[in-house]
Amino acid sequence: MVENHHLERMNHCITAVRCWNDYEDRMERDPPPFGGLQLIVTGDFCQLPPVKPFQFCYLCGGEMLPNDDDTEFNCDECHGPFEETDKWAFKSMAWKKAKFEHVHLREIHRQKDQTFIQMLQKCRLGIPFSRDETKTLMDHPCKVGGAAQLLCMKHEVNKVNRENFNKLKTPTVDYQAIDEFEWNPKHEHLYHYNEAELGRNTGRLQGPPVATRGHPAVLPRARRKDDISPPWQIINGEHAKLREVQIAKFKATKWPVVKFQNGKTRTIFANCMVNSYGKEPYSLLHRTQIPLLPGWAISVHMSQGMTLNRVIVNLSRAFAEGQVYVALSRATSLEGLKIDGDAEGAA
């Protein structure tokens, strides 16, 4: 989720690029918000809040420090205070100046069961479930064989994935990531990326995967639409099981073959994620690796955008606004949803 100051930075940078007067070497008078750029902003403010809001001051770049009860933030240059409740993008001055036309998208595509949809809508708006609704969520007929677990804490996810992986007896194949930085010497300020950034995770991908037969996996992000033929119907965050590791005919490389929940199988090849820095010609930081994650357990945060036909949710350790709604709404139906743990977590 984009936070208040991030949108302010975007507004400032875009306006500076579009409205700088080179002849007078200054900004144009009264520049329009976002430099007059036509901007479309999409999102759901009822889902997870911004992570680490107000981390750095957008006025001076200094680190922002919270007060004792984490209700406001200040920097060493005395910029602030910035209230924790103002962390949302729609609380920023840039949002107010843009005067967006609001469009409410009402059609729901993931779920079809009206009873389940009504419960999710209450949860989305922070309306408590009734006793009967809580009972329905906690105790209903479900089919969740082979389902992934959704957990709130990252260390819980890592523990479940590690324990289940260690139980497998099939041979493993280790895959290495290739990290490279193509530096444009004109970007002297980016030279540090040669050492500081290589080896770090890029985008949403985690470390290089270790594959073995029977290993549940998650494809974190679908490829381009034109890269997937219609029969596959691979959705962002599709849950699958590693069927085998085979040697591709055209090259002596072992690639994982996964079976998706729709019954289709597909070989997953390496994918390159590229980040561009500086002005054209850009400096390029990129990582090439197989885009698979362990799939026994997934964090609620990582699950945003995913559609899961079968899922087991444990909300006992929910700690942020929107976590319950995000977790429950990943399921396509009540039949494919099971809730473990304390009922208060889903209340």
Protein backbone atom coordinates (compact mmCIF):
# COMPACT_ATOMS: atom_id res chain seq x y z
CA MET A 1 0.00 0.00 0.00
CA VAL A 2 1.37 3.42 -0.98
CA GLU A 3 1.76 5.64 2.08
CA ASN A 4 1.25 9.39 2.53
CA HIS A 5 4.83 10.54 2.00
CA HIS A 6 5.44 8.18 -0.91
CA LEU A 7 2.65 9.84 -2.85
CA GLU A 8 4.06 13.25 -1.89
CA ARG A 9 7.46 12.24 -3.29
CA MET A 10 5.85 11.01 -6.50
CA ASN A 11 3.99 14.31 -6.88
CA HIS A 12 7.15 16.34 -6.27
CA CYS A 13 9.33 14.32 -8.66
CA ILE A 14 6.80 14.16 -11.50
CA THR A 15 6.05 17.87 -11.17
CA ALA A 16 9.77 18.72 -11.19
CA VAL A 17 10.31 16.71 -14.38
CA ARG A 18 7.27 18.05 -16.24
CA CYS A 19 7.19 21.66 -15.03
CA TRP A 20 10.83 22.71 -14.76
CA ASN A 21 11.60 25.82 -16.81
CA ASP A 22 15.08 25.25 -18.27
CA TYR A 23 15.26 28.78 -19.67
CA GLU A 24 14.68 30.43 -16.29
CA ASP A 25 16.22 27.53 -14.33
CA ARG A 26 13.30 27.30 -11.94
CA MET A 27 9.93 25.65 -11.48
CA GLU A 28 6.98 27.09 -13.33
CA ARG A 29 4.62 29.22 -11.25
CA ASP A 30 1.66 27.33 -9.76
CA PRO A 31 2.39 23.95 -11.37
CA PRO A 32 -0.58 21.54 -11.47
CA PRO A 33 -0.51 18.44 -9.25
CA PHE A 34 1.63 15.65 -10.68
CA GLY A 35 2.76 18.12 -13.33
CA GLY A 36 -0.57 17.88 -15.12
CA LEU A 37 -0.10 14.15 -15.74
CA GLN A 38 -3.33 12.21 -16.15
CA LEU A 39 -3.15 9.76 -13.28
CA ILE A 40 -5.18 6.64 -12.52
CA VAL A 41 -4.85 5.34 -8.96
CA THR A 42 -6.29 1.95 -8.03
CA GLY A 43 -6.45 0.08 -4.75
CA ASP A 44 -8.46 -1.02 -1.75
CA PHE A 45 -7.87 0.91 1.46
CA CYS A 46 -9.71 -1.81 3.38
CA GLN A 47 -6.80 -4.19 2.85
CA LEU A 48 -3.38 -4.11 4.54
CA PRO A 49 -2.09 -0.68 5.64
CA PRO A 50 1.26 0.79 4.51
CA VAL A 51 4.32 -1.04 5.84
CA LYS A 52 6.61 1.22 7.91
CA PRO A 53 4.87 4.54 7.18
CA PHE A 54 6.83 7.77 7.68
CA GLN A 55 10.12 5.86 7.72
CA PHE A 56 12.03 8.76 6.17
CA CYS A 57 11.17 12.46 6.07
CA TYR A 58 10.18 13.52 2.56
CA LEU A 59 11.36 17.09 3.30
CA CYS A 60 14.96 16.32 4.33
CA GLY A 61 15.40 12.55 3.91
CA GLY A 62 16.26 12.06 7.58
CA GLU A 63 15.07 9.05 9.53
CA MET A 64 11.71 9.56 11.20
CA LEU A 65 11.41 8.49 14.83
CA PRO A 66 8.12 7.54 16.53
CA ASN A 67 7.11 8.81 19.94
CA ASP A 68 6.68 6.44 22.88
CA ASP A 69 3.20 5.26 21.90
CA ASP A 70 3.84 5.22 18.10
CA THR A 71 1.12 7.79 17.42
CA GLU A 72 3.31 10.40 15.69
CA PHE A 73 6.65 10.70 13.91
CA ASN A 74 9.35 13.41 13.86
CA CYS A 75 12.81 13.78 12.31
CA ASP A 76 16.01 15.31 13.71
CA GLU A 77 15.40 18.45 11.64
CA CYS A 78 12.15 18.99 13.53
CA HIS A 79 9.90 18.25 10.57
CA GLY A 80 6.61 17.01 11.91
CA PRO A 81 4.86 15.80 13.82
CA PHE A 82 3.22 13.44 11.33
CA GLU A 83 0.30 11.55 12.83
CA GLU A 84 0.19 7.77 12.49
CA THR A 85 -3.47 8.05 11.49
CA ASP A 86 -2.38 10.13 8.47
CA LYS A 87 -0.26 7.31 7.00
CA TRP A 88 -2.75 6.62 4.20
CA ALA A 89 -2.20 8.01 0.69
CA PHE A 90 -5.60 9.70 0.73
CA LYS A 91 -4.45 11.78 3.73
CA SER A 92 -1.64 13.41 1.72
CA MET A 93 -1.74 16.94 0.32
CA ALA A 94 -0.94 15.49 -3.11
CA TRP A 95 -4.17 13.48 -3.00
CA LYS A 96 -6.20 16.55 -2.03
CA LYS A 97 -4.64 18.70 -4.76
CA ALA A 98 -5.25 16.05 -7.43
CA LYS A 99 -9.03 16.18 -6.85
CA PHE A 100 -9.53 12.65 -8.15
CA GLU A 101 -12.81 11.52 -9.64
CA HIS A 102 -13.77 8.47 -7.59
CA VAL A 103 -15.04 5.26 -9.21
CA HIS A 104 -16.32 2.48 -6.93
CA LEU A 105 -15.85 -0.97 -8.51
CA ARG A 106 -18.72 -3.06 -7.17
CA GLU A 107 -18.66 -6.30 -9.17
CA ILE A 108 -17.05 -9.22 -7.30
CA HIS A 109 -15.27 -11.80 -9.45
CA ARG A 110 -13.48 -14.08 -6.96
CA GLN A 111 -16.52 -15.39 -5.03
CA LYS A 112 -20.00 -16.42 -6.21
CA ASP A 113 -21.60 -17.57 -2.93
CA GLN A 114 -23.76 -14.64 -1.75
CA THR A 115 -23.68 -15.74 1.91
CA PHE A 116 -19.89 -15.78 1.88
CA ILE A 117 -19.76 -12.49 -0.02
CA GLN A 118 -21.98 -10.78 2.57
CA MET A 119 -19.72 -11.96 5.39
CA LEU A 120 -16.63 -10.74 3.56
CA GLN A 121 -18.18 -7.33 2.95
CA LYS A 122 -18.90 -6.95 6.68
CA CYS A 123 -15.33 -7.95 7.47
CA ARG A 124 -13.97 -5.53 4.86
CA LEU A 125 -15.76 -2.61 6.52
CA GLY A 126 -14.82 -3.64 10.05
CA ILE A 127 -18.34 -4.74 11.03
CA PRO A 128 -18.14 -7.60 13.58
CA PHE A 129 -19.49 -11.00 12.58
CA SER A 130 -22.65 -12.19 14.29
CA ARG A 131 -22.43 -15.27 16.50
CA ASP A 132 -24.03 -17.38 13.77
CA GLU A 133 -21.61 -16.06 11.13
CA THR A 134 -18.62 -16.81 13.34
CA LYS A 135 -19.95 -20.34 13.91
CA THR A 136 -20.42 -20.80 10.16
CA LEU A 137 -16.87 -19.68 9.45
CA MET A 138 -15.33 -21.87 12.14
CA ASP A 139 -17.45 -24.99 11.57
CA HIS A 140 -18.68 -25.74 8.06
CA PRO A 141 -18.18 -28.58 5.56
CA CYS A 142 -14.98 -27.97 3.62
CA LYS A 143 -12.65 -29.64 1.16
CA VAL A 144 -9.12 -28.38 1.73
CA GLY A 145 -6.92 -31.34 0.85
CA GLY A 146 -3.51 -30.11 -0.29
CA ALA A 147 -4.36 -26.53 0.64
CA ALA A 148 -1.81 -23.88 1.53
CA GLN A 149 -1.83 -22.36 5.01
CA LEU A 150 -2.17 -18.59 5.37
CA LEU A 151 -0.36 -17.32 8.47
CA CYS A 152 0.11 -13.82 9.85
CA MET A 153 3.76 -13.97 10.92
CA LYS A 154 6.66 -14.54 8.53
CA HIS A 155 8.57 -16.71 11.00
CA GLU A 156 5.53 -19.00 11.27
CA VAL A 157 5.51 -19.37 7.49
CA ASN A 158 9.22 -20.17 7.36
CA LYS A 159 8.87 -22.75 10.14
CA VAL A 160 5.99 -24.60 8.43
CA ASN A 161 7.74 -24.62 5.05
CA ARG A 162 11.04 -25.77 6.53
CA GLU A 163 9.48 -28.58 8.58
CA ASN A 164 7.44 -29.90 5.66
CA PHE A 165 10.36 -29.70 3.25
CA ASN A 166 12.54 -31.73 5.63
CA LYS A 167 9.94 -34.52 5.64
CA LEU A 168 10.33 -35.12 1.89
CA LYS A 169 12.50 -38.09 0.93
CA THR A 170 12.84 -37.36 -2.79
CA PRO A 171 16.11 -36.01 -4.29
CA THR A 172 16.53 -32.24 -4.28
CA VAL A 173 17.77 -29.85 -6.95
CA ASP A 174 19.37 -26.54 -5.92
CA TYR A 175 18.83 -23.51 -8.16
CA GLN A 176 21.05 -20.44 -8.09
CA ALA A 177 19.99 -16.88 -8.85
CA ILE A 178 22.04 -14.71 -11.18
CA ASP A 179 22.32 -11.09 -10.00
CA GLU A 180 23.86 -8.48 -12.27
CA PHE A 181 24.19 -4.70 -12.34
CA GLU A 182 24.77 -2.99 -15.69
CA TRP A 183 26.17 0.34 -14.56
CA ASN A 184 26.15 3.48 -16.71
CA PRO A 185 29.39 5.32 -15.69
CA LYS A 186 27.50 8.62 -16.00
CA HIS A 187 25.52 7.57 -12.93
CA GLU A 188 28.34 7.99 -10.42
CA HIS A 189 25.86 8.11 -7.54
CA LEU A 190 24.71 4.57 -8.40
CA TYR A 191 28.13 2.90 -8.30
CA HIS A 192 27.43 1.48 -4.84
CA TYR A 193 24.83 -0.85 -6.36
CA ASN A 194 27.69 -2.89 -7.78
CA GLU A 195 28.38 -4.25 -4.32
CA ALA A 196 25.64 -3.14 -1.96
CA GLU A 197 22.62 -4.42 -3.87
CA LEU A 198 23.83 -7.57 -5.62
CA GLY A 199 22.70 -10.63 -3.74
CA ARG A 200 19.70 -8.91 -2.22
CA ASN A 201 16.19 -9.96 -3.10
CA THR A 202 14.63 -8.22 -6.07
CA GLY A 203 10.91 -7.45 -6.26
CA ARG A 204 8.66 -9.99 -4.55
CA LEU A 205 10.97 -12.94 -5.21
CA GLN A 206 12.65 -14.69 -2.31
CA GLY A 207 15.94 -16.57 -2.38
CA PRO A 208 16.69 -19.22 -5.03
CA PRO A 209 14.36 -22.23 -4.67
CA VAL A 210 15.29 -25.80 -3.76
CA ALA A 211 13.05 -28.19 -5.68
CA THR A 212 11.99 -31.75 -4.97
CA ARG A 213 9.13 -33.93 -6.17
CA GLY A 214 5.89 -33.40 -4.21
CA HIS A 215 6.93 -29.93 -3.09
CA PRO A 216 3.94 -27.50 -3.02
CA ALA A 217 4.84 -24.25 -4.75
CA VAL A 218 3.46 -20.81 -5.46
CA LEU A 219 3.99 -18.85 -8.66
CA PRO A 220 4.25 -15.35 -7.08
CA ARG A 221 3.38 -13.41 -10.21
CA ALA A 222 1.89 -14.50 -13.52
CA ARG A 223 3.84 -13.74 -16.67
CA ARG A 224 2.57 -11.31 -19.27
CA LYS A 225 -0.94 -12.09 -20.44
CA ASP A 226 0.28 -12.88 -23.96
CA ASP A 227 2.83 -15.30 -22.48
CA ILE A 228 0.13 -17.64 -21.17
CA SER A 229 -2.21 -19.45 -23.53
CA PRO A 230 -5.90 -19.35 -22.44
CA PRO A 231 -6.17 -23.01 -21.34
CA TRP A 232 -3.68 -22.42 -18.53
CA GLN A 233 -5.71 -19.76 -16.72
CA ILE A 234 -2.80 -19.08 -14.37
CA ILE A 235 -3.80 -16.49 -11.79
CA ASN A 236 -1.43 -14.26 -9.86
CA GLY A 237 -0.21 -16.37 -6.95
CA GLU A 238 -1.45 -19.68 -8.39
CA HIS A 239 -0.93 -22.58 -5.97
CA ALA A 240 0.59 -25.74 -7.46
CA LYS A 241 2.53 -28.90 -6.63
CA LEU A 242 5.93 -29.75 -8.05
CA ARG A 243 5.34 -32.84 -10.14
CA GLU A 244 8.87 -33.59 -11.34
CA VAL A 245 12.18 -32.07 -12.33
CA GLN A 246 12.96 -32.84 -15.95
CA ILE A 247 15.76 -32.10 -18.37
CA ALA A 248 14.57 -29.82 -21.13
CA LYS A 249 15.23 -31.21 -24.62
CA PHE A 250 16.84 -28.06 -25.94
CA LYS A 251 19.33 -27.62 -23.11
CA ALA A 252 20.94 -29.79 -20.43
CA THR A 253 19.19 -27.91 -17.64
CA LYS A 254 16.73 -29.35 -15.14
CA TRP A 255 13.56 -27.29 -14.92
CA PRO A 256 10.73 -27.79 -12.41
CA VAL A 257 7.40 -29.05 -13.74
CA VAL A 258 4.39 -28.06 -11.65
CA LYS A 259 0.80 -29.21 -11.63
CA PHE A 260 -1.76 -26.46 -10.99
CA GLN A 261 -5.06 -26.88 -9.19
CA ASN A 262 -6.90 -26.79 -12.51
CA GLY A 263 -5.14 -30.05 -13.42
CA LYS A 264 -2.76 -28.53 -15.96
CA THR A 265 1.01 -29.06 -15.81
CA ARG A 266 3.64 -26.62 -16.95
CA THR A 267 7.42 -26.33 -16.99
CA ILE A 268 8.57 -23.23 -15.10
CA PHE A 269 11.59 -21.54 -16.64
CA ALA A 270 13.81 -18.81 -15.22
CA ASN A 271 12.43 -15.28 -15.20
CA CYS A 272 14.40 -12.03 -15.17
CA MET A 273 13.16 -9.07 -13.13
CA VAL A 274 14.77 -5.76 -14.09
CA ASN A 275 14.88 -2.48 -12.15
CA SER A 276 16.05 0.65 -13.98
CA TYR A 277 17.88 3.52 -12.27
CA GLY A 278 18.96 7.00 -13.31
CA LYS A 279 18.23 8.69 -16.62
CA GLU A 280 18.41 7.11 -20.09
CA PRO A 281 20.43 5.15 -20.91
CA TYR A 282 19.51 3.54 -17.60
CA SER A 283 21.63 1.58 -15.19
CA LEU A 284 20.00 -1.84 -14.81
CA LEU A 285 19.84 -4.04 -11.72
CA HIS A 286 18.39 -7.46 -12.46
CA ARG A 287 17.94 -10.90 -10.98
CA THR A 288 17.32 -14.07 -12.99
CA GLN A 289 15.83 -17.02 -11.14
CA ILE A 290 13.02 -19.55 -11.19
CA PRO A 291 9.90 -17.73 -9.87
CA LEU A 292 8.64 -20.29 -7.38
CA LEU A 293 8.04 -20.03 -3.64
CA PRO A 294 7.44 -22.83 -1.10
CA GLY A 295 3.71 -23.43 -0.93
CA TRP A 296 2.93 -25.25 2.31
CA ALA A 297 2.46 -21.87 3.99
CA ILE A 298 2.20 -18.27 2.77
CA SER A 299 2.10 -15.02 4.73
CA VAL A 300 -1.10 -12.99 4.60
CA HIS A 301 0.94 -10.08 3.27
CA MET A 302 2.39 -12.17 0.43
CA SER A 303 -1.07 -13.52 -0.42
CA GLN A 304 -2.45 -10.13 -1.48
CA GLY A 305 -3.72 -10.46 -5.03
CA MET A 306 -3.84 -14.26 -4.90
CA THR A 307 -6.90 -16.38 -5.60
CA LEU A 308 -6.89 -19.73 -3.78
CA ASN A 309 -9.46 -22.45 -4.42
CA ARG A 310 -8.42 -24.25 -1.22
CA VAL A 311 -6.84 -22.54 1.78
CA ILE A 312 -6.40 -23.06 5.53
CA VAL A 313 -6.28 -19.80 7.47
CA ASN A 314 -4.95 -19.21 10.99
CA LEU A 315 -5.58 -15.69 12.29
CA SER A 316 -4.66 -16.23 15.95
CA ARG A 317 -1.71 -13.84 15.59
CA ALA A 318 -3.31 -11.17 13.41
CA PHE A 319 -1.69 -7.83 14.23
CA ALA A 320 -2.65 -5.31 11.53
CA GLU A 321 -5.83 -3.76 10.18
CA GLY A 322 -7.15 -5.62 7.20
CA GLN A 323 -5.31 -8.90 7.81
CA VAL A 324 -8.47 -10.87 8.57
CA TYR A 325 -10.25 -9.57 5.47
CA VAL A 326 -7.27 -10.16 3.17
CA ALA A 327 -6.84 -13.72 4.44
CA LEU A 328 -10.50 -14.75 4.22
CA SER A 329 -11.09 -13.09 0.86
CA ARG A 330 -8.34 -15.13 -0.84
CA ALA A 331 -10.76 -18.09 -0.79
CA THR A 332 -13.16 -18.53 -3.69
CA SER A 333 -15.81 -20.26 -1.54
CA LEU A 334 -16.66 -21.40 1.98
CA GLU A 335 -16.19 -24.98 0.82
CA GLY A 336 -12.55 -24.27 0.02
CA LEU A 337 -11.89 -22.39 3.28
CA LYS A 338 -10.94 -23.76 6.69
CA ILE A 339 -10.11 -21.59 9.70
CA ASP A 340 -7.75 -22.97 12.35
CA GLY A 341 -6.92 -21.45 15.71
CA ASP A 342 -8.92 -19.20 17.99
CA ALA A 343 -12.31 -17.97 16.78
CA GLU A 344 -11.49 -14.53 18.21
CA GLY A 345 -8.91 -14.11 15.44
CA ALA A 346 -11.69 -14.10 12.86
CA ALA A 347 -14.12 -12.04 14.93
